[in-house]
């Protein structure tokens, strides 16, 4: 089972550093820690969506699998030079995205985040996913990063948007369409 955490606090980070999976100590705000920290935050947001009562089985099972891949991605980012996310991970998201989107009416306007609690949680996860993608791209500018990590996060944010639309309908809610201010 690997290492077990028997003591949660170590005091080793009290100086503003943290240990990477390679054993190297880095600043807690370095781009690598920002990237995997934001992926961790995204995983927590996906958990919030999963806590929504009455989720369709396909969405629930898919989000659980996504949480596992996000944990893999966090581990990948915490160990420089380690590639875990595969092209098939993004392809799997694309297939699910197409399946869910095919059942939805075409979108002609921008949708505001909200509609129902489940849809709103999905929108929150989507925005954190976009931030995680930006953090990984920032890291990629200074260090080698698996290109599949960026691709995966890009597809996942699209999927979370489509899932929000599905959940709005499952909960018998109404998508809130953006009404731009009239030109003055």
C-alpha atoms as a PDB file:
ATOM      1  CA  UNK A   1       0.000   0.000   0.000  1.00  0.00           C
ATOM      2  CA  UNK A   2       2.972   2.354   0.086  1.00  0.00           C
ATOM      3  CA  UNK A   3       3.666   4.941   2.738  1.00  0.00           C
ATOM      4  CA  UNK A   4       1.082   5.570   5.414  1.00  0.00           C
ATOM      5  CA  UNK A   5       0.638   8.916   7.072  1.00  0.00           C
ATOM      6  CA  UNK A   6       0.623   8.278  10.796  1.00  0.00           C
ATOM      7  CA  UNK A   7       1.364  11.887  11.708  1.00  0.00           C
ATOM      8  CA  UNK A   8      -0.337  14.592   9.675  1.00  0.00           C
ATOM      9  CA  UNK A   9       1.846  17.536  10.667  1.00  0.00           C
ATOM     10  CA  UNK A  10       5.597  17.427  10.146  1.00  0.00           C
ATOM     11  CA  UNK A  11       6.596  21.078  10.710  1.00  0.00           C
ATOM     12  CA  UNK A  12       8.931  20.798   7.689  1.00  0.00           C
ATOM     13  CA  UNK A  13       6.845  23.347   5.787  1.00  0.00           C
ATOM     14  CA  UNK A  14       6.927  25.999   8.460  1.00  0.00           C
ATOM     15  CA  UNK A  15       9.705  27.757   6.548  1.00  0.00           C
ATOM     16  CA  UNK A  16       7.527  28.194   3.429  1.00  0.00           C
ATOM     17  CA  UNK A  17       8.853  25.162   1.575  1.00  0.00           C
ATOM     18  CA  UNK A  18       7.382  21.807   0.681  1.00  0.00           C
ATOM     19  CA  UNK A  19       8.770  18.527  -0.553  1.00  0.00           C
ATOM     20  CA  UNK A  20       8.151  17.283  -4.069  1.00  0.00           C
ATOM     21  CA  UNK A  21       7.745  13.580  -4.759  1.00  0.00           C
ATOM     22  CA  UNK A  22      11.389  13.569  -5.861  1.00  0.00           C
ATOM     23  CA  UNK A  23      12.451  14.678  -2.373  1.00  0.00           C
ATOM     24  CA  UNK A  24      13.486  18.147  -3.558  1.00  0.00           C
ATOM     25  CA  UNK A  25      12.381  21.060  -1.331  1.00  0.00           C
ATOM     26  CA  UNK A  26      10.779  23.997  -3.144  1.00  0.00           C
ATOM     27  CA  UNK A  27       8.886  27.166  -2.222  1.00  0.00           C
ATOM     28  CA  UNK A  28       5.202  26.551  -1.577  1.00  0.00           C
ATOM     29  CA  UNK A  29       4.309  29.148  -4.190  1.00  0.00           C
ATOM     30  CA  UNK A  30       6.543  27.859  -6.994  1.00  0.00           C
ATOM     31  CA  UNK A  31       4.787  27.116 -10.315  1.00  0.00           C
ATOM     32  CA  UNK A  32       4.905  23.332  -9.801  1.00  0.00           C
ATOM     33  CA  UNK A  33       3.237  23.512  -6.394  1.00  0.00           C
ATOM     34  CA  UNK A  34       0.711  26.041  -7.745  1.00  0.00           C
ATOM     35  CA  UNK A  35      -0.114  23.600 -10.554  1.00  0.00           C
ATOM     36  CA  UNK A  36      -0.633  20.468  -8.469  1.00  0.00           C
ATOM     37  CA  UNK A  37      -2.292  22.472  -5.691  1.00  0.00           C
ATOM     38  CA  UNK A  38      -4.861  23.798  -8.131  1.00  0.00           C
ATOM     39  CA  UNK A  39      -5.433  20.286  -9.491  1.00  0.00           C
ATOM     40  CA  UNK A  40      -6.074  19.222  -5.888  1.00  0.00           C
ATOM     41  CA  UNK A  41      -8.555  22.087  -5.505  1.00  0.00           C
ATOM     42  CA  UNK A  42     -10.251  20.955  -8.722  1.00  0.00           C
ATOM     43  CA  UNK A  43     -10.518  17.434  -7.355  1.00  0.00           C
ATOM     44  CA  UNK A  44     -12.257  18.815  -4.260  1.00  0.00           C
ATOM     45  CA  UNK A  45     -14.693  20.721  -6.497  1.00  0.00           C
ATOM     46  CA  UNK A  46     -15.457  17.521  -8.419  1.00  0.00           C
ATOM     47  CA  UNK A  47     -16.127  15.915  -5.033  1.00  0.00           C
ATOM     48  CA  UNK A  48     -18.613  18.704  -4.339  1.00  0.00           C
ATOM     49  CA  UNK A  49     -20.436  17.883  -7.576  1.00  0.00           C
ATOM     50  CA  UNK A  50     -20.435  14.199  -6.578  1.00  0.00           C
ATOM     51  CA  UNK A  51     -22.122  15.141  -3.297  1.00  0.00           C
ATOM     52  CA  UNK A  52     -25.137  16.400  -5.267  1.00  0.00           C
ATOM     53  CA  UNK A  53     -28.145  14.170  -4.521  1.00  0.00           C
ATOM     54  CA  UNK A  54     -29.688  12.287  -7.440  1.00  0.00           C
ATOM     55  CA  UNK A  55     -26.790  12.396  -9.885  1.00  0.00           C
ATOM     56  CA  UNK A  56     -27.305  10.208 -12.941  1.00  0.00           C
ATOM     57  CA  UNK A  57     -25.186   7.054 -12.718  1.00  0.00           C
ATOM     58  CA  UNK A  58     -23.214   7.904 -15.864  1.00  0.00           C
ATOM     59  CA  UNK A  59     -22.188  11.276 -14.440  1.00  0.00           C
ATOM     60  CA  UNK A  60     -21.469   9.909 -10.984  1.00  0.00           C
ATOM     61  CA  UNK A  61     -19.331   7.044 -12.290  1.00  0.00           C
ATOM     62  CA  UNK A  62     -17.540   9.345 -14.735  1.00  0.00           C
ATOM     63  CA  UNK A  63     -16.753  11.959 -12.088  1.00  0.00           C
ATOM     64  CA  UNK A  64     -15.421   9.282  -9.743  1.00  0.00           C
ATOM     65  CA  UNK A  65     -13.089   8.066 -12.500  1.00  0.00           C
ATOM     66  CA  UNK A  66     -12.091  11.679 -13.185  1.00  0.00           C
ATOM     67  CA  UNK A  67     -11.191  12.127  -9.512  1.00  0.00           C
ATOM     68  CA  UNK A  68      -8.798   9.189  -9.815  1.00  0.00           C
ATOM     69  CA  UNK A  69      -7.195  10.696 -12.929  1.00  0.00           C
ATOM     70  CA  UNK A  70      -6.905  14.085 -11.207  1.00  0.00           C
ATOM     71  CA  UNK A  71      -5.123  12.409  -8.302  1.00  0.00           C
ATOM     72  CA  UNK A  72      -2.813  10.788 -10.873  1.00  0.00           C
ATOM     73  CA  UNK A  73      -2.244  14.183 -12.484  1.00  0.00           C
ATOM     74  CA  UNK A  74      -1.414  15.767  -9.131  1.00  0.00           C
ATOM     75  CA  UNK A  75       1.099  13.010  -8.512  1.00  0.00           C
ATOM     76  CA  UNK A  76       2.536  13.481 -11.981  1.00  0.00           C
ATOM     77  CA  UNK A  77       3.010  17.190 -11.344  1.00  0.00           C
ATOM     78  CA  UNK A  78       4.525  16.565  -7.895  1.00  0.00           C
ATOM     79  CA  UNK A  79       7.259  14.347  -9.367  1.00  0.00           C
ATOM     80  CA  UNK A  80       9.201  16.164 -12.105  1.00  0.00           C
ATOM     81  CA  UNK A  81       9.683  13.994 -15.201  1.00  0.00           C
ATOM     82  CA  UNK A  82       6.862  11.580 -14.379  1.00  0.00           C
ATOM     83  CA  UNK A  83       4.160  11.120 -17.035  1.00  0.00           C
ATOM     84  CA  UNK A  84       0.934   9.382 -15.970  1.00  0.00           C
ATOM     85  CA  UNK A  85      -1.822  11.072 -17.987  1.00  0.00           C
ATOM     86  CA  UNK A  86      -2.198   9.301 -21.345  1.00  0.00           C
ATOM     87  CA  UNK A  87      -3.752  10.313 -24.669  1.00  0.00           C
ATOM     88  CA  UNK A  88      -6.527   7.791 -24.000  1.00  0.00           C
ATOM     89  CA  UNK A  89      -7.546   9.754 -20.894  1.00  0.00           C
ATOM     90  CA  UNK A  90      -8.438  12.768 -23.049  1.00  0.00           C
ATOM     91  CA  UNK A  91     -10.058  10.551 -25.687  1.00  0.00           C
ATOM     92  CA  UNK A  92     -12.266   9.020 -22.996  1.00  0.00           C
ATOM     93  CA  UNK A  93     -13.403  12.511 -21.985  1.00  0.00           C
ATOM     94  CA  UNK A  94     -14.124  13.378 -25.614  1.00  0.00           C
ATOM     95  CA  UNK A  95     -16.343  10.295 -26.062  1.00  0.00           C
ATOM     96  CA  UNK A  96     -18.300  11.122 -22.915  1.00  0.00           C
ATOM     97  CA  UNK A  97     -18.509  14.774 -23.908  1.00  0.00           C
ATOM     98  CA  UNK A  98     -19.976  13.842 -27.301  1.00  0.00           C
ATOM     99  CA  UNK A  99     -22.446  11.400 -25.722  1.00  0.00           C
ATOM    100  CA  UNK A 100     -23.731  13.925 -23.190  1.00  0.00           C
ATOM    101  CA  UNK A 101     -23.752  16.880 -25.570  1.00  0.00           C
ATOM    102  CA  UNK A 102     -25.684  15.005 -28.293  1.00  0.00           C
ATOM    103  CA  UNK A 103     -28.712  14.810 -25.970  1.00  0.00           C
ATOM    104  CA  UNK A 104     -28.727  18.564 -25.276  1.00  0.00           C
ATOM    105  CA  UNK A 105     -30.420  21.296 -27.295  1.00  0.00           C
ATOM    106  CA  UNK A 106     -27.987  23.452 -29.282  1.00  0.00           C
ATOM    107  CA  UNK A 107     -26.634  26.382 -27.347  1.00  0.00           C
ATOM    108  CA  UNK A 108     -27.140  29.752 -29.002  1.00  0.00           C
ATOM    109  CA  UNK A 109     -26.310  32.039 -26.076  1.00  0.00           C
ATOM    110  CA  UNK A 110     -23.901  32.213 -23.168  1.00  0.00           C
ATOM    111  CA  UNK A 111     -25.077  30.484 -19.988  1.00  0.00           C
ATOM    112  CA  UNK A 112     -24.502  32.045 -16.580  1.00  0.00           C
ATOM    113  CA  UNK A 113     -23.182  29.749 -13.850  1.00  0.00           C
ATOM    114  CA  UNK A 114     -26.116  28.500 -11.783  1.00  0.00           C
ATOM    115  CA  UNK A 115     -29.488  26.988 -12.588  1.00  0.00           C
ATOM    116  CA  UNK A 116     -29.488  24.312  -9.873  1.00  0.00           C
ATOM    117  CA  UNK A 117     -27.096  23.394  -7.037  1.00  0.00           C
ATOM    118  CA  UNK A 118     -25.595  20.532  -9.065  1.00  0.00           C
ATOM    119  CA  UNK A 119     -25.160  22.660 -12.179  1.00  0.00           C
ATOM    120  CA  UNK A 120     -23.658  25.509 -10.150  1.00  0.00           C
ATOM    121  CA  UNK A 121     -21.184  23.095  -8.522  1.00  0.00           C
ATOM    122  CA  UNK A 122     -20.213  21.857 -11.976  1.00  0.00           C
ATOM    123  CA  UNK A 123     -19.637  25.427 -13.134  1.00  0.00           C
ATOM    124  CA  UNK A 124     -17.411  26.045 -10.116  1.00  0.00           C
ATOM    125  CA  UNK A 125     -15.402  22.915 -10.948  1.00  0.00           C
ATOM    126  CA  UNK A 126     -15.156  24.095 -14.573  1.00  0.00           C
ATOM    127  CA  UNK A 127     -13.675  27.462 -13.580  1.00  0.00           C
ATOM    128  CA  UNK A 128     -11.167  25.860 -11.222  1.00  0.00           C
ATOM    129  CA  UNK A 129     -10.282  23.429 -14.019  1.00  0.00           C
ATOM    130  CA  UNK A 130      -9.511  26.367 -16.312  1.00  0.00           C
ATOM    131  CA  UNK A 131      -7.276  27.844 -13.608  1.00  0.00           C
ATOM    132  CA  UNK A 132      -5.508  24.494 -13.170  1.00  0.00           C
ATOM    133  CA  UNK A 133      -4.911  24.436 -16.920  1.00  0.00           C
ATOM    134  CA  UNK A 134      -3.399  27.947 -16.761  1.00  0.00           C
ATOM    135  CA  UNK A 135      -1.158  26.936 -13.847  1.00  0.00           C
ATOM    136  CA  UNK A 136       0.107  23.876 -15.743  1.00  0.00           C
ATOM    137  CA  UNK A 137       0.803  26.044 -18.801  1.00  0.00           C
ATOM    138  CA  UNK A 138       2.740  28.482 -16.606  1.00  0.00           C
ATOM    139  CA  UNK A 139       4.800  25.566 -15.280  1.00  0.00           C
ATOM    140  CA  UNK A 140       5.310  24.304 -18.840  1.00  0.00           C
ATOM    141  CA  UNK A 141       7.032  27.579 -19.755  1.00  0.00           C
ATOM    142  CA  UNK A 142       9.880  26.884 -17.327  1.00  0.00           C
ATOM    143  CA  UNK A 143       9.989  23.089 -16.971  1.00  0.00           C
ATOM    144  CA  UNK A 144       9.086  20.061 -19.072  1.00  0.00           C
ATOM    145  CA  UNK A 145       5.463  19.001 -18.539  1.00  0.00           C
ATOM    146  CA  UNK A 146       3.535  16.169 -20.122  1.00  0.00           C
ATOM    147  CA  UNK A 147       1.533  17.811 -22.951  1.00  0.00           C
ATOM    148  CA  UNK A 148      -1.305  15.382 -22.229  1.00  0.00           C
ATOM    149  CA  UNK A 149      -1.834  17.097 -18.868  1.00  0.00           C
ATOM    150  CA  UNK A 150      -2.850  20.343 -20.589  1.00  0.00           C
ATOM    151  CA  UNK A 151      -4.974  18.511 -23.147  1.00  0.00           C
ATOM    152  CA  UNK A 152      -6.743  16.547 -20.390  1.00  0.00           C
ATOM    153  CA  UNK A 153      -7.587  19.667 -18.381  1.00  0.00           C
ATOM    154  CA  UNK A 154      -8.813  21.444 -21.507  1.00  0.00           C
ATOM    155  CA  UNK A 155     -11.194  18.592 -22.351  1.00  0.00           C
ATOM    156  CA  UNK A 156     -12.279  18.259 -18.740  1.00  0.00           C
ATOM    157  CA  UNK A 157     -13.361  21.890 -18.505  1.00  0.00           C
ATOM    158  CA  UNK A 158     -15.504  21.401 -21.616  1.00  0.00           C
ATOM    159  CA  UNK A 159     -16.981  18.234 -20.136  1.00  0.00           C
ATOM    160  CA  UNK A 160     -17.802  19.971 -16.858  1.00  0.00           C
ATOM    161  CA  UNK A 161     -19.662  22.670 -18.792  1.00  0.00           C
ATOM    162  CA  UNK A 162     -21.733  20.060 -20.622  1.00  0.00           C
ATOM    163  CA  UNK A 163     -22.336  18.182 -17.371  1.00  0.00           C
ATOM    164  CA  UNK A 164     -23.641  21.410 -15.825  1.00  0.00           C
ATOM    165  CA  UNK A 165     -26.169  21.656 -18.645  1.00  0.00           C
ATOM    166  CA  UNK A 166     -27.211  18.027 -18.137  1.00  0.00           C
ATOM    167  CA  UNK A 167     -27.539  18.457 -14.361  1.00  0.00           C
ATOM    168  CA  UNK A 168     -29.673  21.551 -14.810  1.00  0.00           C
ATOM    169  CA  UNK A 169     -32.156  19.458 -16.776  1.00  0.00           C
ATOM    170  CA  UNK A 170     -31.974  16.471 -14.410  1.00  0.00           C
ATOM    171  CA  UNK A 171     -32.909  18.775 -11.525  1.00  0.00           C
ATOM    172  CA  UNK A 172     -35.699  20.375 -13.607  1.00  0.00           C
ATOM    173  CA  UNK A 173     -33.949  23.716 -13.464  1.00  0.00           C
ATOM    174  CA  UNK A 174     -33.575  26.376 -16.072  1.00  0.00           C
ATOM    175  CA  UNK A 175     -30.316  27.481 -17.581  1.00  0.00           C
ATOM    176  CA  UNK A 176     -29.785  31.155 -16.952  1.00  0.00           C
ATOM    177  CA  UNK A 177     -29.048  32.803 -20.291  1.00  0.00           C
ATOM    178  CA  UNK A 178     -26.826  35.870 -20.266  1.00  0.00           C
ATOM    179  CA  UNK A 179     -28.647  39.058 -21.139  1.00  0.00           C
ATOM    180  CA  UNK A 180     -26.032  41.603 -22.205  1.00  0.00           C
ATOM    181  CA  UNK A 181     -26.584  45.204 -21.309  1.00  0.00           C
ATOM    182  CA  UNK A 182     -28.163  47.037 -24.241  1.00  0.00           C
ATOM    183  CA  UNK A 183     -25.850  49.375 -26.087  1.00  0.00           C
ATOM    184  CA  UNK A 184     -26.228  52.929 -24.877  1.00  0.00           C
END
